[in-house]
Amino acid sequence: MYNDQIKAENKIITYDDLYEIFSRMQEKLTYYKKIYENEKIKNSVLDYSDRVWTFNDNNSRLRFEVDFYDNTYITFDNYYTFIPVFNSRLNDIKKIEVYFSLNYSVDIGTKHEFYFQSINMIINENKMDIQISLSSKDKKIDDIYELIKYKILNAKEKYDEIIKKKNKIITIIGLAIGFIPALILTTLLIISSTMRSIYANTYIVYPLATCIIAYILGITISDSMLSKYYSSIIPEQKYAGYDYKKGQNIYKDDIDSFKGTSEIQIGKNVNNLDYRNHIKNMKEKYQKFLPYEIGILFFFSIIVLFF
């Protein structure tokens, strides 16, 4: 017998990951329950000394205990009653406790070997703890153990590029959004004779003013656009000291705590992967516009010199 404990840290564990683990547990339980029922029929007509059990079941089970946000708590002793609730109320789930065990004996006549193997999981929105108790002599559920390890080790990082480069992403999207209105505004200023003179005598003013306006305008818009997606996936703030010059407290992202937990996609985290993908798609979309906008700015910068 050996024990192990697996902790998921800085990982994104998806609905699909959980569903596959739960389903594999049920398949395993069903498989050995059938063996038990078949052997039970065969052994019923044999003398005790002639009976052979490869799996003599003693209350093997798969149980789910679910804590919901509406302060209800339900225990499911049947996988097939749990799964519809898991599928339909995923965003209502605060915590899932999973208890999977094979409790059995291997009997050949008067020789008996008893086994109790288990995998227990406590799944919260920000962490998943797994307790493993396996037999080194009978590896009936080692494959589930390996599946869980594989899912965790190969899961996407929670502290990913979407989080690390948040400011850069907001800037890229903001500049792409702000460039066109900024170009229009700074170009319309040519109507003023004073601005025409400034543009003509100081060639850097037009492109510089356009970039500054594009940045200010675009950042305001993009920050507003992305805040609803970032609000549930970014690190919490922690106190980082006091700025005596400004007379205010300083706060910064608590990266260590953020990386020390995971993002399990139940409850409040159900839509987080969609949010990350939406941010990524927006960044890729607007980033494509920037080279063209810079080219237009360069072209207009030459034109305004001759007004």
C-alpha atoms as a PDB file:
ATOM      1  CA  MET A   1       0.000   0.000   0.000  1.00  0.00           C
ATOM      2  CA  TYR A   2       1.251   3.464  -0.792  1.00  0.00           C
ATOM      3  CA  ASN A   3      -0.231   6.893  -0.351  1.00  0.00           C
ATOM      4  CA  ASP A   4       0.190  10.049  -2.352  1.00  0.00           C
ATOM      5  CA  GLN A   5      -1.180  13.567  -2.394  1.00  0.00           C
ATOM      6  CA  ILE A   6      -1.558  15.675  -5.523  1.00  0.00           C
ATOM      7  CA  LYS A   7      -2.066  19.425  -5.412  1.00  0.00           C
ATOM      8  CA  ALA A   8      -2.941  21.449  -8.477  1.00  0.00           C
ATOM      9  CA  GLU A   9      -1.157  24.817  -8.343  1.00  0.00           C
ATOM     10  CA  ASN A  10      -1.064  27.496 -11.056  1.00  0.00           C
ATOM     11  CA  LYS A  11      -3.198  25.303 -13.334  1.00  0.00           C
ATOM     12  CA  ILE A  12      -6.482  25.678 -15.204  1.00  0.00           C
ATOM     13  CA  ILE A  13      -8.589  22.560 -14.689  1.00  0.00           C
ATOM     14  CA  THR A  14     -11.475  22.489 -17.147  1.00  0.00           C
ATOM     15  CA  TYR A  15     -14.920  20.964 -17.124  1.00  0.00           C
ATOM     16  CA  ASP A  16     -13.708  18.407 -19.671  1.00  0.00           C
ATOM     17  CA  ASP A  17     -10.844  17.374 -17.379  1.00  0.00           C
ATOM     18  CA  LEU A  18     -13.200  16.787 -14.456  1.00  0.00           C
ATOM     19  CA  TYR A  19     -15.791  15.013 -16.583  1.00  0.00           C
ATOM     20  CA  GLU A  20     -13.210  12.607 -17.983  1.00  0.00           C
ATOM     21  CA  ILE A  21     -11.904  11.755 -14.508  1.00  0.00           C
ATOM     22  CA  PHE A  22     -15.394  11.194 -13.096  1.00  0.00           C
ATOM     23  CA  SER A  23     -16.384   9.084 -16.105  1.00  0.00           C
ATOM     24  CA  ARG A  24     -13.267   6.927 -15.825  1.00  0.00           C
ATOM     25  CA  MET A  25     -14.039   6.289 -12.172  1.00  0.00           C
ATOM     26  CA  GLN A  26     -17.570   5.207 -13.036  1.00  0.00           C
ATOM     27  CA  GLU A  27     -16.359   2.940 -15.842  1.00  0.00           C
ATOM     28  CA  LYS A  28     -13.914   1.295 -13.457  1.00  0.00           C
ATOM     29  CA  LEU A  29     -16.543   0.778 -10.785  1.00  0.00           C
ATOM     30  CA  THR A  30     -19.040  -0.638 -13.295  1.00  0.00           C
ATOM     31  CA  TYR A  31     -16.425  -2.985 -14.748  1.00  0.00           C
ATOM     32  CA  TYR A  32     -15.530  -4.568 -11.402  1.00  0.00           C
ATOM     33  CA  LYS A  33     -19.096  -4.645 -10.163  1.00  0.00           C
ATOM     34  CA  LYS A  34     -19.949  -6.752 -13.228  1.00  0.00           C
ATOM     35  CA  ILE A  35     -17.060  -9.099 -12.499  1.00  0.00           C
ATOM     36  CA  TYR A  36     -18.344  -9.463  -8.963  1.00  0.00           C
ATOM     37  CA  GLU A  37     -21.898 -10.235 -10.111  1.00  0.00           C
ATOM     38  CA  ASN A  38     -20.678 -12.824 -12.623  1.00  0.00           C
ATOM     39  CA  GLU A  39     -18.442 -14.523 -10.075  1.00  0.00           C
ATOM     40  CA  LYS A  40     -21.221 -14.433  -7.517  1.00  0.00           C
ATOM     41  CA  ILE A  41     -23.440 -16.473  -9.854  1.00  0.00           C
ATOM     42  CA  LYS A  42     -20.657 -18.955 -10.638  1.00  0.00           C
ATOM     43  CA  ASN A  43     -19.655 -19.419  -7.006  1.00  0.00           C
ATOM     44  CA  SER A  44     -23.216 -19.838  -5.778  1.00  0.00           C
ATOM     45  CA  VAL A  45     -23.265 -23.442  -7.045  1.00  0.00           C
ATOM     46  CA  LEU A  46     -19.803 -24.370  -5.757  1.00  0.00           C
ATOM     47  CA  ASP A  47     -18.597 -25.588  -2.401  1.00  0.00           C
ATOM     48  CA  TYR A  48     -16.871 -22.975  -0.299  1.00  0.00           C
ATOM     49  CA  SER A  49     -13.445 -24.539  -0.803  1.00  0.00           C
ATOM     50  CA  ASP A  50     -13.880 -24.498  -4.598  1.00  0.00           C
ATOM     51  CA  ARG A  51     -14.910 -20.889  -4.935  1.00  0.00           C
ATOM     52  CA  VAL A  52     -12.655 -18.443  -6.715  1.00  0.00           C
ATOM     53  CA  TRP A  53     -13.050 -14.689  -6.446  1.00  0.00           C
ATOM     54  CA  THR A  54     -10.899 -12.285  -8.413  1.00  0.00           C
ATOM     55  CA  PHE A  55     -13.083  -9.459  -7.107  1.00  0.00           C
ATOM     56  CA  ASN A  56     -15.269 -10.138  -4.094  1.00  0.00           C
ATOM     57  CA  ASP A  57     -16.862  -6.759  -3.619  1.00  0.00           C
ATOM     58  CA  ASN A  58     -17.336  -5.197  -0.203  1.00  0.00           C
ATOM     59  CA  ASN A  59     -19.167  -1.899  -0.800  1.00  0.00           C
ATOM     60  CA  SER A  60     -16.988  -0.349  -3.513  1.00  0.00           C
ATOM     61  CA  ARG A  61     -18.448   3.020  -4.379  1.00  0.00           C
ATOM     62  CA  LEU A  62     -18.324   6.360  -6.120  1.00  0.00           C
ATOM     63  CA  ARG A  63     -19.924   9.175  -4.152  1.00  0.00           C
ATOM     64  CA  PHE A  64     -20.182  12.909  -4.822  1.00  0.00           C
ATOM     65  CA  GLU A  65     -20.927  15.529  -2.182  1.00  0.00           C
ATOM     66  CA  VAL A  66     -21.737  18.909  -3.724  1.00  0.00           C
ATOM     67  CA  ASP A  67     -21.924  22.289  -2.010  1.00  0.00           C
ATOM     68  CA  PHE A  68     -23.946  24.876  -3.969  1.00  0.00           C
ATOM     69  CA  TYR A  69     -23.960  28.656  -3.760  1.00  0.00           C
ATOM     70  CA  ASP A  70     -27.606  28.661  -2.740  1.00  0.00           C
ATOM     71  CA  ASN A  71     -26.569  27.036   0.580  1.00  0.00           C
ATOM     72  CA  THR A  72     -27.822  23.593  -0.429  1.00  0.00           C
ATOM     73  CA  TYR A  73     -25.680  20.493   0.021  1.00  0.00           C
ATOM     74  CA  ILE A  74     -26.466  17.275  -1.823  1.00  0.00           C
ATOM     75  CA  THR A  75     -24.889  13.834  -1.635  1.00  0.00           C
ATOM     76  CA  PHE A  76     -25.040  11.713  -4.773  1.00  0.00           C
ATOM     77  CA  ASP A  77     -24.400   7.998  -4.323  1.00  0.00           C
ATOM     78  CA  ASN A  78     -25.055   7.389  -7.991  1.00  0.00           C
ATOM     79  CA  TYR A  79     -22.929   8.761 -10.813  1.00  0.00           C
ATOM     80  CA  TYR A  80     -25.912   8.922 -13.151  1.00  0.00           C
ATOM     81  CA  THR A  81     -27.862  11.218 -10.830  1.00  0.00           C
ATOM     82  CA  PHE A  82     -24.836  13.427 -10.266  1.00  0.00           C
ATOM     83  CA  ILE A  83     -23.780  14.010 -13.888  1.00  0.00           C
ATOM     84  CA  PRO A  84     -26.990  15.789 -15.050  1.00  0.00           C
ATOM     85  CA  VAL A  85     -26.652  18.183 -12.121  1.00  0.00           C
ATOM     86  CA  PHE A  86     -22.946  18.661 -12.817  1.00  0.00           C
ATOM     87  CA  ASN A  87     -23.728  19.501 -16.441  1.00  0.00           C
ATOM     88  CA  SER A  88     -26.673  21.821 -15.825  1.00  0.00           C
ATOM     89  CA  ARG A  89     -25.636  23.611 -12.627  1.00  0.00           C
ATOM     90  CA  LEU A  90     -21.886  23.960 -13.049  1.00  0.00           C
ATOM     91  CA  ASN A  91     -21.941  27.694 -12.311  1.00  0.00           C
ATOM     92  CA  ASP A  92     -23.882  27.079  -9.060  1.00  0.00           C
ATOM     93  CA  ILE A  93     -21.305  24.676  -7.625  1.00  0.00           C
ATOM     94  CA  LYS A  94     -19.006  25.957  -4.903  1.00  0.00           C
ATOM     95  CA  LYS A  95     -17.285  22.686  -4.005  1.00  0.00           C
ATOM     96  CA  ILE A  96     -17.301  19.019  -5.012  1.00  0.00           C
ATOM     97  CA  GLU A  97     -16.016  16.218  -2.820  1.00  0.00           C
ATOM     98  CA  VAL A  98     -15.442  12.942  -4.656  1.00  0.00           C
ATOM     99  CA  TYR A  99     -14.978   9.617  -2.887  1.00  0.00           C
ATOM    100  CA  PHE A 100     -14.010   6.692  -5.091  1.00  0.00           C
ATOM    101  CA  SER A 101     -12.994   3.348  -3.641  1.00  0.00           C
ATOM    102  CA  LEU A 102     -12.625  -0.296  -4.548  1.00  0.00           C
ATOM    103  CA  ASN A 103     -13.045  -2.386  -1.410  1.00  0.00           C
ATOM    104  CA  TYR A 104     -12.729  -6.091  -2.146  1.00  0.00           C
ATOM    105  CA  SER A 105     -10.992  -9.363  -1.523  1.00  0.00           C
ATOM    106  CA  VAL A 106      -9.308 -11.841  -3.833  1.00  0.00           C
ATOM    107  CA  ASP A 107     -10.279 -15.303  -2.627  1.00  0.00           C
ATOM    108  CA  ILE A 108      -9.066 -18.709  -3.733  1.00  0.00           C
ATOM    109  CA  GLY A 109     -10.593 -21.326  -1.492  1.00  0.00           C
ATOM    110  CA  THR A 110      -9.513 -20.536   2.053  1.00  0.00           C
ATOM    111  CA  LYS A 111      -6.860 -18.025   0.995  1.00  0.00           C
ATOM    112  CA  HIS A 112      -7.964 -14.398   1.204  1.00  0.00           C
ATOM    113  CA  GLU A 113      -6.291 -11.116   0.361  1.00  0.00           C
ATOM    114  CA  PHE A 114      -8.140  -7.916   1.254  1.00  0.00           C
ATOM    115  CA  TYR A 115      -7.734  -4.616  -0.546  1.00  0.00           C
ATOM    116  CA  PHE A 116      -8.997  -1.111  -0.008  1.00  0.00           C
ATOM    117  CA  GLN A 117      -7.916   1.334  -2.682  1.00  0.00           C
ATOM    118  CA  SER A 118      -9.233   4.859  -2.913  1.00  0.00           C
ATOM    119  CA  ILE A 119      -8.958   8.215  -4.665  1.00  0.00           C
ATOM    120  CA  ASN A 120     -10.578  11.147  -2.893  1.00  0.00           C
ATOM    121  CA  MET A 121     -10.797  14.615  -4.407  1.00  0.00           C
ATOM    122  CA  ILE A 122     -11.773  17.914  -2.822  1.00  0.00           C
ATOM    123  CA  ILE A 123     -12.466  20.374  -5.610  1.00  0.00           C
ATOM    124  CA  ASN A 124     -12.871  24.090  -4.908  1.00  0.00           C
ATOM    125  CA  GLU A 125     -12.829  27.011  -7.324  1.00  0.00           C
ATOM    126  CA  ASN A 126      -9.208  27.841  -6.561  1.00  0.00           C
ATOM    127  CA  LYS A 127      -7.707  24.511  -5.559  1.00  0.00           C
ATOM    128  CA  MET A 128      -8.006  20.786  -5.986  1.00  0.00           C
ATOM    129  CA  ASP A 129      -6.576  18.360  -3.430  1.00  0.00           C
ATOM    130  CA  ILE A 130      -6.342  14.662  -4.242  1.00  0.00           C
ATOM    131  CA  GLN A 131      -5.644  11.937  -1.704  1.00  0.00           C
ATOM    132  CA  ILE A 132      -4.500   8.595  -3.158  1.00  0.00           C
ATOM    133  CA  SER A 133      -4.315   5.231  -1.403  1.00  0.00           C
ATOM    134  CA  LEU A 134      -3.232   2.431  -3.748  1.00  0.00           C
ATOM    135  CA  SER A 135      -1.975  -1.124  -3.449  1.00  0.00           C
ATOM    136  CA  SER A 136       1.465  -1.923  -4.835  1.00  0.00           C
ATOM    137  CA  LYS A 137       0.332  -5.543  -5.335  1.00  0.00           C
ATOM    138  CA  ASP A 138      -2.929  -4.937  -7.180  1.00  0.00           C
ATOM    139  CA  LYS A 139      -2.982  -2.038  -9.636  1.00  0.00           C
ATOM    140  CA  LYS A 140      -6.682  -1.903 -10.441  1.00  0.00           C
ATOM    141  CA  ILE A 141      -7.012   1.880 -10.258  1.00  0.00           C
ATOM    142  CA  ASP A 142      -3.466   2.983 -11.062  1.00  0.00           C
ATOM    143  CA  ASP A 143      -4.642   4.121 -14.502  1.00  0.00           C
ATOM    144  CA  ILE A 144      -7.048   6.623 -12.909  1.00  0.00           C
ATOM    145  CA  TYR A 145      -4.224   7.899 -10.729  1.00  0.00           C
ATOM    146  CA  GLU A 146      -2.072   8.362 -13.855  1.00  0.00           C
ATOM    147  CA  LEU A 147      -4.947  10.085 -15.661  1.00  0.00           C
ATOM    148  CA  ILE A 148      -5.345  12.611 -12.836  1.00  0.00           C
ATOM    149  CA  LYS A 149      -1.601  13.304 -12.769  1.00  0.00           C
ATOM    150  CA  TYR A 150      -1.549  13.719 -16.538  1.00  0.00           C
ATOM    151  CA  LYS A 151      -4.492  16.136 -16.501  1.00  0.00           C
ATOM    152  CA  ILE A 152      -2.860  18.292 -13.834  1.00  0.00           C
ATOM    153  CA  LEU A 153       0.681  18.239 -15.201  1.00  0.00           C
ATOM    154  CA  ASN A 154      -0.488  19.047 -18.738  1.00  0.00           C
ATOM    155  CA  ALA A 155      -3.118  21.629 -17.801  1.00  0.00           C
ATOM    156  CA  LYS A 156      -2.669  25.200 -19.017  1.00  0.00           C
ATOM    157  CA  GLU A 157      -0.959  27.623 -16.660  1.00  0.00           C
ATOM    158  CA  LYS A 158      -3.190  29.966 -14.720  1.00  0.00           C
ATOM    159  CA  TYR A 159      -0.535  32.713 -14.724  1.00  0.00           C
ATOM    160  CA  ASP A 160      -0.361  32.764 -18.510  1.00  0.00           C
ATOM    161  CA  GLU A 161       0.486  35.358 -21.148  1.00  0.00           C
ATOM    162  CA  ILE A 162      -3.010  36.848 -20.902  1.00  0.00           C
ATOM    163  CA  ILE A 163      -2.266  37.766 -17.273  1.00  0.00           C
ATOM    164  CA  LYS A 164       1.461  38.487 -17.536  1.00  0.00           C
ATOM    165  CA  LYS A 165       1.061  40.853 -20.481  1.00  0.00           C
ATOM    166  CA  LYS A 166      -2.214  42.465 -19.521  1.00  0.00           C
ATOM    167  CA  ASN A 167      -0.927  46.048 -19.887  1.00  0.00           C
ATOM    168  CA  LYS A 168       0.702  45.282 -23.241  1.00  0.00           C
ATOM    169  CA  ILE A 169      -2.491  43.678 -24.552  1.00  0.00           C
ATOM    170  CA  ILE A 170      -4.600  46.649 -23.446  1.00  0.00           C
ATOM    171  CA  THR A 171      -2.092  49.004 -25.116  1.00  0.00           C
ATOM    172  CA  ILE A 172      -2.069  47.096 -28.426  1.00  0.00           C
ATOM    173  CA  ILE A 173      -5.845  46.962 -28.624  1.00  0.00           C
ATOM    174  CA  GLY A 174      -6.131  50.572 -27.456  1.00  0.00           C
ATOM    175  CA  LEU A 175      -3.728  51.936 -30.061  1.00  0.00           C
ATOM    176  CA  ALA A 176      -5.497  50.031 -32.830  1.00  0.00           C
ATOM    177  CA  ILE A 177      -8.850  51.430 -31.719  1.00  0.00           C
ATOM    178  CA  GLY A 178      -7.613  54.962 -31.103  1.00  0.00           C
ATOM    179  CA  PHE A 179      -5.501  55.484 -34.237  1.00  0.00           C
ATOM    180  CA  ILE A 180      -8.264  56.237 -36.744  1.00  0.00           C
ATOM    181  CA  PRO A 181     -10.157  58.825 -34.645  1.00  0.00           C
ATOM    182  CA  ALA A 182      -6.801  60.343 -33.658  1.00  0.00           C
ATOM    183  CA  LEU A 183      -5.758  60.590 -37.314  1.00  0.00           C
ATOM    184  CA  ILE A 184      -9.054  62.232 -38.211  1.00  0.00           C
ATOM    185  CA  LEU A 185      -8.788  64.731 -35.357  1.00  0.00           C
ATOM    186  CA  THR A 186      -5.162  65.761 -35.948  1.00  0.00           C
ATOM    187  CA  THR A 187      -5.768  65.969 -39.716  1.00  0.00           C
ATOM    188  CA  LEU A 188      -8.818  68.190 -39.286  1.00  0.00           C
ATOM    189  CA  LEU A 189      -6.645  70.593 -37.284  1.00  0.00           C
ATOM    190  CA  ILE A 190      -5.046  71.565 -40.618  1.00  0.00           C
ATOM    191  CA  ILE A 191      -8.039  73.879 -40.998  1.00  0.00           C
ATOM    192  CA  SER A 192      -6.334  76.127 -38.467  1.00  0.00           C
ATOM    193  CA  SER A 193      -3.587  78.238 -40.026  1.00  0.00           C
ATOM    194  CA  THR A 194      -1.663  78.092 -36.753  1.00  0.00           C
ATOM    195  CA  MET A 195      -1.660  74.285 -36.760  1.00  0.00           C
ATOM    196  CA  ARG A 196      -0.679  74.203 -40.455  1.00  0.00           C
ATOM    197  CA  SER A 197       2.316  76.331 -39.622  1.00  0.00           C
ATOM    198  CA  ILE A 198       3.282  74.143 -36.678  1.00  0.00           C
ATOM    199  CA  TYR A 199       2.935  70.967 -38.753  1.00  0.00           C
ATOM    200  CA  ALA A 200       5.014  72.445 -41.562  1.00  0.00           C
ATOM    201  CA  ASN A 201       7.805  73.811 -39.362  1.00  0.00           C
ATOM    202  CA  THR A 202       7.989  70.948 -36.847  1.00  0.00           C
ATOM    203  CA  TYR A 203       7.403  67.735 -38.753  1.00  0.00           C
ATOM    204  CA  ILE A 204       7.374  65.567 -35.621  1.00  0.00           C
ATOM    205  CA  VAL A 205       4.320  67.300 -34.129  1.00  0.00           C
ATOM    206  CA  TYR A 206       1.702  65.658 -36.363  1.00  0.00           C
ATOM    207  CA  PRO A 207       2.733  61.991 -35.839  1.00  0.00           C
ATOM    208  CA  LEU A 208       3.544  62.605 -32.178  1.00  0.00           C
ATOM    209  CA  ALA A 209       0.198  64.285 -31.468  1.00  0.00           C
ATOM    210  CA  THR A 210      -1.623  61.511 -33.331  1.00  0.00           C
ATOM    211  CA  CYS A 211       0.118  58.800 -31.277  1.00  0.00           C
ATOM    212  CA  ILE A 212      -0.551  60.580 -27.981  1.00  0.00           C
ATOM    213  CA  ILE A 213      -4.239  61.088 -28.744  1.00  0.00           C
ATOM    214  CA  ALA A 214      -4.548  57.501 -30.052  1.00  0.00           C
ATOM    215  CA  TYR A 215      -2.976  56.191 -26.844  1.00  0.00           C
ATOM    216  CA  ILE A 216      -5.103  58.239 -24.450  1.00  0.00           C
ATOM    217  CA  LEU A 217      -8.341  57.644 -26.323  1.00  0.00           C
ATOM    218  CA  GLY A 218      -7.640  53.993 -27.143  1.00  0.00           C
ATOM    219  CA  ILE A 219      -6.445  52.965 -23.683  1.00  0.00           C
ATOM    220  CA  THR A 220      -9.586  54.419 -22.134  1.00  0.00           C
ATOM    221  CA  ILE A 221     -11.790  52.467 -24.546  1.00  0.00           C
ATOM    222  CA  SER A 222      -9.842  49.180 -24.494  1.00  0.00           C
ATOM    223  CA  ASP A 223      -9.529  49.171 -20.705  1.00  0.00           C
ATOM    224  CA  SER A 224     -13.281  49.564 -20.476  1.00  0.00           C
ATOM    225  CA  MET A 225     -13.847  46.829 -23.084  1.00  0.00           C
ATOM    226  CA  LEU A 226     -11.536  44.315 -21.413  1.00  0.00           C
ATOM    227  CA  SER A 227     -12.272  45.015 -17.750  1.00  0.00           C
ATOM    228  CA  LYS A 228     -15.323  42.727 -17.692  1.00  0.00           C
ATOM    229  CA  TYR A 229     -13.178  39.848 -18.967  1.00  0.00           C
ATOM    230  CA  TYR A 230     -10.140  40.532 -16.802  1.00  0.00           C
ATOM    231  CA  SER A 231     -12.030  41.188 -13.562  1.00  0.00           C
ATOM    232  CA  SER A 232     -12.489  37.508 -12.687  1.00  0.00           C
ATOM    233  CA  ILE A 233      -9.095  36.181 -13.839  1.00  0.00           C
ATOM    234  CA  ILE A 234      -6.491  38.683 -12.608  1.00  0.00           C
ATOM    235  CA  PRO A 235      -4.607  38.395  -9.269  1.00  0.00           C
ATOM    236  CA  GLU A 236      -5.951  40.094  -6.173  1.00  0.00           C
ATOM    237  CA  GLN A 237      -4.128  43.152  -4.888  1.00  0.00           C
ATOM    238  CA  LYS A 238      -1.952  43.145  -1.781  1.00  0.00           C
ATOM    239  CA  TYR A 239      -0.598  45.991   0.334  1.00  0.00           C
ATOM    240  CA  ALA A 240       2.909  46.995  -0.816  1.00  0.00           C
ATOM    241  CA  GLY A 241       3.695  49.992   1.373  1.00  0.00           C
ATOM    242  CA  TYR A 242       2.918  53.682   1.636  1.00  0.00           C
ATOM    243  CA  ASP A 243       3.827  56.454  -0.812  1.00  0.00           C
ATOM    244  CA  TYR A 244       4.590  59.445   1.401  1.00  0.00           C
ATOM    245  CA  LYS A 245       4.950  61.803  -1.563  1.00  0.00           C
ATOM    246  CA  LYS A 246       1.464  61.016  -2.836  1.00  0.00           C
ATOM    247  CA  GLY A 247       0.042  60.376   0.612  1.00  0.00           C
ATOM    248  CA  GLN A 248      -1.576  57.070  -0.286  1.00  0.00           C
ATOM    249  CA  ASN A 249      -1.243  53.319   0.169  1.00  0.00           C
ATOM    250  CA  ILE A 250       0.426  51.276  -2.554  1.00  0.00           C
ATOM    251  CA  TYR A 251      -1.042  47.996  -3.784  1.00  0.00           C
ATOM    252  CA  LYS A 252       0.285  45.523  -6.304  1.00  0.00           C
ATOM    253  CA  ASP A 253      -0.751  42.183  -7.769  1.00  0.00           C
ATOM    254  CA  ASP A 254      -0.274  39.290  -5.357  1.00  0.00           C
ATOM    255  CA  ILE A 255       1.459  37.044  -7.889  1.00  0.00           C
ATOM    256  CA  ASP A 256       2.741  34.474  -5.380  1.00  0.00           C
ATOM    257  CA  SER A 257      -0.715  33.751  -3.992  1.00  0.00           C
ATOM    258  CA  PHE A 258      -2.148  33.737  -7.497  1.00  0.00           C
ATOM    259  CA  LYS A 259       0.372  31.139  -8.694  1.00  0.00           C
ATOM    260  CA  GLY A 260      -0.081  29.118  -5.504  1.00  0.00           C
ATOM    261  CA  THR A 261      -3.691  28.350  -6.382  1.00  0.00           C
ATOM    262  CA  SER A 262      -5.453  27.007  -9.449  1.00  0.00           C
ATOM    263  CA  GLU A 263      -8.487  27.898 -11.507  1.00  0.00           C
ATOM    264  CA  ILE A 264     -11.012  25.081 -11.392  1.00  0.00           C
ATOM    265  CA  GLN A 265     -13.802  25.839 -13.824  1.00  0.00           C
ATOM    266  CA  ILE A 266     -16.772  25.480 -11.547  1.00  0.00           C
ATOM    267  CA  GLY A 267     -18.873  28.175  -9.870  1.00  0.00           C
ATOM    268  CA  LYS A 268     -17.564  31.670 -10.542  1.00  0.00           C
ATOM    269  CA  ASN A 269     -14.840  30.343 -12.839  1.00  0.00           C
ATOM    270  CA  VAL A 270     -17.116  28.641 -15.367  1.00  0.00           C
ATOM    271  CA  ASN A 271     -16.628  31.310 -18.071  1.00  0.00           C
ATOM    272  CA  ASN A 272     -12.983  32.151 -17.358  1.00  0.00           C
ATOM    273  CA  LEU A 273     -11.512  30.090 -20.185  1.00  0.00           C
ATOM    274  CA  ASP A 274     -13.915  31.776 -22.619  1.00  0.00           C
ATOM    275  CA  TYR A 275     -12.813  35.155 -21.253  1.00  0.00           C
ATOM    276  CA  ARG A 276      -9.147  34.297 -21.815  1.00  0.00           C
ATOM    277  CA  ASN A 277      -9.856  33.138 -25.360  1.00  0.00           C
ATOM    278  CA  HIS A 278     -11.878  36.278 -26.062  1.00  0.00           C
ATOM    279  CA  ILE A 279      -9.026  38.509 -24.886  1.00  0.00           C
ATOM    280  CA  LYS A 280      -6.539  36.520 -26.980  1.00  0.00           C
ATOM    281  CA  ASN A 281      -8.740  36.764 -30.079  1.00  0.00           C
ATOM    282  CA  MET A 282      -9.235  40.509 -29.610  1.00  0.00           C
ATOM    283  CA  LYS A 283      -5.504  41.041 -29.282  1.00  0.00           C
ATOM    284  CA  GLU A 284      -4.763  39.027 -32.434  1.00  0.00           C
ATOM    285  CA  LYS A 285      -7.526  40.831 -34.347  1.00  0.00           C
ATOM    286  CA  TYR A 286      -6.542  44.395 -33.462  1.00  0.00           C
ATOM    287  CA  GLN A 287      -2.807  43.724 -33.667  1.00  0.00           C
ATOM    288  CA  LYS A 288      -3.246  43.094 -37.405  1.00  0.00           C
ATOM    289  CA  PHE A 289      -4.537  46.653 -37.894  1.00  0.00           C
ATOM    290  CA  LEU A 290      -1.512  48.412 -36.397  1.00  0.00           C
ATOM    291  CA  PRO A 291       0.951  48.041 -39.320  1.00  0.00           C
ATOM    292  CA  TYR A 292      -1.633  49.488 -41.726  1.00  0.00           C
ATOM    293  CA  GLU A 293      -2.478  52.336 -39.351  1.00  0.00           C
ATOM    294  CA  ILE A 294       1.193  53.164 -38.887  1.00  0.00           C
ATOM    295  CA  GLY A 295       1.578  53.167 -42.666  1.00  0.00           C
ATOM    296  CA  ILE A 296      -1.349  55.594 -43.019  1.00  0.00           C
ATOM    297  CA  LEU A 297       0.165  57.798 -40.297  1.00  0.00           C
ATOM    298  CA  PHE A 298       3.494  57.878 -42.136  1.00  0.00           C
ATOM    299  CA  PHE A 299       1.725  58.788 -45.413  1.00  0.00           C
ATOM    300  CA  PHE A 300      -0.346  61.537 -43.792  1.00  0.00           C
ATOM    301  CA  SER A 301       2.719  62.887 -41.974  1.00  0.00           C
ATOM    302  CA  ILE A 302       4.346  63.566 -45.335  1.00  0.00           C
ATOM    303  CA  ILE A 303       1.218  65.108 -46.838  1.00  0.00           C
ATOM    304  CA  VAL A 304       0.652  67.637 -44.026  1.00  0.00           C
ATOM    305  CA  LEU A 305       4.140  69.042 -44.523  1.00  0.00           C
ATOM    306  CA  PHE A 306       2.992  70.525 -47.832  1.00  0.00           C
ATOM    307  CA  PHE A 307      -0.176  72.250 -46.601  1.00  0.00           C
END
